[in-house]
């Protein structure tokens, strides 16, 4: 079922506010704990949620807005992130019916696979530009643990996002 634009605006705006709050919270907690190179990719968890739950012709624009909002909290290249987001979300949308996020363990596994795929493609862009293999592998190890943190909380984030995006009756039917 395709969702019209008028049913996307309000929940998406709330989702962006939620993302900003999560970014502020995760940035401050990670800094307090002393991990300067560690960043939990909560924007990617939100993108994965949107790819699974929404079927809309505005998905590319939504991905852009999430990545652009995320760019206020990081120095990552939001243009490359948006391109990769569109690419991976198109793949996820094709397999939407096969992906199960109703179980905690499966959700953690599926989100981790999504995040590692994202990181592999993202790092490949920079590897081909710079040719630095050591940076690629060091960053992959860090990204694995960042993704694991995001994967472990993704099930609960999806529950909160379901409450933002869908009414009680729609949630009982499994979203859209």
Protein backbone atom coordinates (compact mmCIF):
# COMPACT_ATOMS: atom_id res chain seq x y z
CA UNK A 1 0.00 0.00 0.00
CA UNK A 2 1.47 3.32 -1.03
CA UNK A 3 1.34 6.10 1.51
CA UNK A 4 0.27 9.52 0.20
CA UNK A 5 2.33 12.62 0.95
CA UNK A 6 -0.22 14.11 3.36
CA UNK A 7 0.16 11.06 5.67
CA UNK A 8 3.96 11.29 5.59
CA UNK A 9 4.63 14.90 6.60
CA UNK A 10 3.63 14.85 10.28
CA UNK A 11 5.17 11.48 11.27
CA UNK A 12 8.32 12.26 9.28
CA UNK A 13 8.75 15.62 11.01
CA UNK A 14 8.37 13.85 14.38
CA UNK A 15 10.89 11.23 13.22
CA UNK A 16 13.40 13.97 12.37
CA UNK A 17 12.93 15.53 15.81
CA UNK A 18 13.40 12.07 17.30
CA UNK A 19 16.60 11.66 15.25
CA UNK A 20 17.96 14.99 16.50
CA UNK A 21 17.25 13.97 20.10
CA UNK A 22 18.93 10.59 19.55
CA UNK A 23 21.95 12.22 17.91
CA UNK A 24 22.36 14.68 20.79
CA UNK A 25 21.95 11.91 23.35
CA UNK A 26 24.32 9.48 21.65
CA UNK A 27 26.94 12.16 20.92
CA UNK A 28 26.97 13.35 24.52
CA UNK A 29 26.98 9.85 26.04
CA UNK A 30 29.77 8.63 23.79
CA UNK A 31 31.83 11.74 24.62
CA UNK A 32 31.23 11.31 28.34
CA UNK A 33 32.41 7.69 28.12
CA UNK A 34 35.57 8.84 26.32
CA UNK A 35 35.11 7.18 22.93
CA UNK A 36 36.12 9.91 20.51
CA UNK A 37 36.03 7.81 17.30
CA UNK A 38 32.82 5.93 18.12
CA UNK A 39 29.45 6.99 16.72
CA UNK A 40 26.27 4.92 16.87
CA UNK A 41 24.62 5.13 13.39
CA UNK A 42 21.05 5.77 14.52
CA UNK A 43 20.28 7.59 11.28
CA UNK A 44 20.86 4.33 9.41
CA UNK A 45 18.51 2.46 11.73
CA UNK A 46 15.84 5.04 10.94
CA UNK A 47 16.54 4.70 7.21
CA UNK A 48 16.24 0.92 7.47
CA UNK A 49 12.92 1.32 9.27
CA UNK A 50 11.62 3.67 6.57
CA UNK A 51 12.75 1.27 3.83
CA UNK A 52 10.90 -1.63 5.42
CA UNK A 53 7.73 0.13 6.54
CA UNK A 54 7.07 2.75 3.87
CA UNK A 55 6.26 2.42 0.23
CA UNK A 56 6.24 5.90 -1.21
CA UNK A 57 7.57 7.63 -4.31
CA UNK A 58 9.13 10.23 -1.98
CA UNK A 59 11.57 7.75 -0.39
CA UNK A 60 14.67 9.29 -2.00
CA UNK A 61 13.70 12.72 -0.64
CA UNK A 62 13.04 11.25 2.82
CA UNK A 63 16.48 9.58 2.77
CA UNK A 64 18.06 12.88 1.77
CA UNK A 65 16.35 14.71 4.65
CA UNK A 66 17.41 12.08 7.21
CA UNK A 67 21.01 12.17 5.97
CA UNK A 68 21.05 15.96 5.85
CA UNK A 69 19.69 16.18 9.40
CA UNK A 70 22.33 13.66 10.49
CA UNK A 71 25.04 15.78 8.84
CA UNK A 72 24.54 18.48 11.48
CA UNK A 73 26.09 16.07 13.99
CA UNK A 74 28.94 14.60 11.96
CA UNK A 75 31.46 15.48 9.28
CA UNK A 76 30.48 12.53 7.08
CA UNK A 77 29.69 13.20 3.46
CA UNK A 78 25.89 13.38 3.37
CA UNK A 79 25.79 13.28 -0.45
CA UNK A 80 27.52 9.88 -0.60
CA UNK A 81 25.39 8.71 2.33
CA UNK A 82 22.23 9.74 0.52
CA UNK A 83 23.28 7.91 -2.65
CA UNK A 84 24.13 4.74 -0.72
CA UNK A 85 20.92 5.10 1.29
CA UNK A 86 18.82 5.23 -1.85
CA UNK A 87 20.69 2.27 -3.32
CA UNK A 88 20.40 0.05 -0.25
CA UNK A 89 16.84 1.10 0.58
CA UNK A 90 15.77 0.12 -2.93
CA UNK A 91 17.25 -3.33 -2.35
CA UNK A 92 15.60 -3.57 1.08
CA UNK A 93 12.24 -2.54 -0.38
CA UNK A 94 12.47 -5.37 -2.93
CA UNK A 95 12.91 -7.89 -0.10
CA UNK A 96 10.48 -6.16 2.29
CA UNK A 97 8.19 -9.20 2.52
CA UNK A 98 11.06 -11.54 3.42
CA UNK A 99 12.60 -9.37 6.13
CA UNK A 100 11.32 -10.17 9.62
CA UNK A 101 11.69 -7.59 12.36
CA UNK A 102 9.08 -9.01 14.72
CA UNK A 103 11.63 -10.96 16.77
CA UNK A 104 14.44 -9.32 18.77
CA UNK A 105 17.21 -11.69 17.63
CA UNK A 106 16.19 -11.52 13.96
CA UNK A 107 15.93 -7.75 14.12
CA UNK A 108 19.45 -7.47 15.53
CA UNK A 109 20.80 -9.79 12.83
CA UNK A 110 18.99 -8.12 9.91
CA UNK A 111 19.91 -4.61 11.04
CA UNK A 112 23.54 -5.63 11.54
CA UNK A 113 23.66 -7.06 8.00
CA UNK A 114 22.11 -3.83 6.69
CA UNK A 115 24.63 -1.68 8.58
CA UNK A 116 27.63 -3.75 7.47
CA UNK A 117 26.43 -3.59 3.85
CA UNK A 118 26.10 0.16 4.20
CA UNK A 119 29.58 0.47 5.67
CA UNK A 120 31.15 -1.78 3.04
CA UNK A 121 29.76 0.33 0.21
CA UNK A 122 30.51 3.62 1.98
CA UNK A 123 34.09 2.60 2.74
CA UNK A 124 34.58 1.35 -0.80
CA UNK A 125 33.87 4.85 -2.10
CA UNK A 126 36.64 6.27 0.07
CA UNK A 127 39.01 3.37 -0.54
CA UNK A 128 38.82 3.93 -4.30
CA UNK A 129 39.46 7.64 -3.77
CA UNK A 130 42.38 7.28 -1.34
CA UNK A 131 43.68 3.72 -1.71
CA UNK A 132 44.27 3.39 2.05
CA UNK A 133 43.76 -0.27 3.00
CA UNK A 134 44.68 0.13 6.67
CA UNK A 135 42.10 2.85 7.20
CA UNK A 136 39.51 0.66 5.48
CA UNK A 137 40.10 -2.31 7.82
CA UNK A 138 40.47 -0.23 10.99
CA UNK A 139 37.25 1.55 10.18
CA UNK A 140 35.49 -1.75 9.44
CA UNK A 141 36.25 -3.03 12.96
CA UNK A 142 34.98 0.18 14.54
CA UNK A 143 31.89 0.13 12.28
CA UNK A 144 31.14 -3.46 13.32
CA UNK A 145 30.90 -2.45 16.98
CA UNK A 146 29.04 0.77 16.19
CA UNK A 147 26.58 -1.28 14.14
CA UNK A 148 26.26 -3.84 16.90
CA UNK A 149 25.29 -1.11 19.37
CA UNK A 150 22.73 0.25 16.92
CA UNK A 151 21.45 -3.26 16.15
CA UNK A 152 20.96 -4.07 19.83
CA UNK A 153 18.68 -1.07 20.35
CA UNK A 154 17.01 -1.19 16.91
CA UNK A 155 14.13 -3.43 18.01
CA UNK A 156 13.10 -0.88 20.64
CA UNK A 157 13.60 2.03 18.24
CA UNK A 158 11.37 0.28 15.71
CA UNK A 159 8.66 -0.05 18.35
CA UNK A 160 8.84 3.68 19.05
CA UNK A 161 8.83 4.50 15.35
CA UNK A 162 5.80 2.26 14.83
CA UNK A 163 3.96 4.38 17.40
CA UNK A 164 4.95 7.54 15.54
CA UNK A 165 4.07 6.29 12.05
CA UNK A 166 1.03 4.06 12.49
CA UNK A 167 -2.21 4.06 14.44
CA UNK A 168 -3.11 1.17 16.77
CA UNK A 169 -5.10 -0.66 14.08
CA UNK A 170 -2.30 -0.33 11.50
CA UNK A 171 0.28 -1.61 14.03
CA UNK A 172 -1.82 -4.72 14.63
CA UNK A 173 -1.78 -5.37 10.89
CA UNK A 174 2.02 -5.09 10.83
CA UNK A 175 2.47 -1.53 9.57
CA UNK A 176 1.47 -0.75 6.01
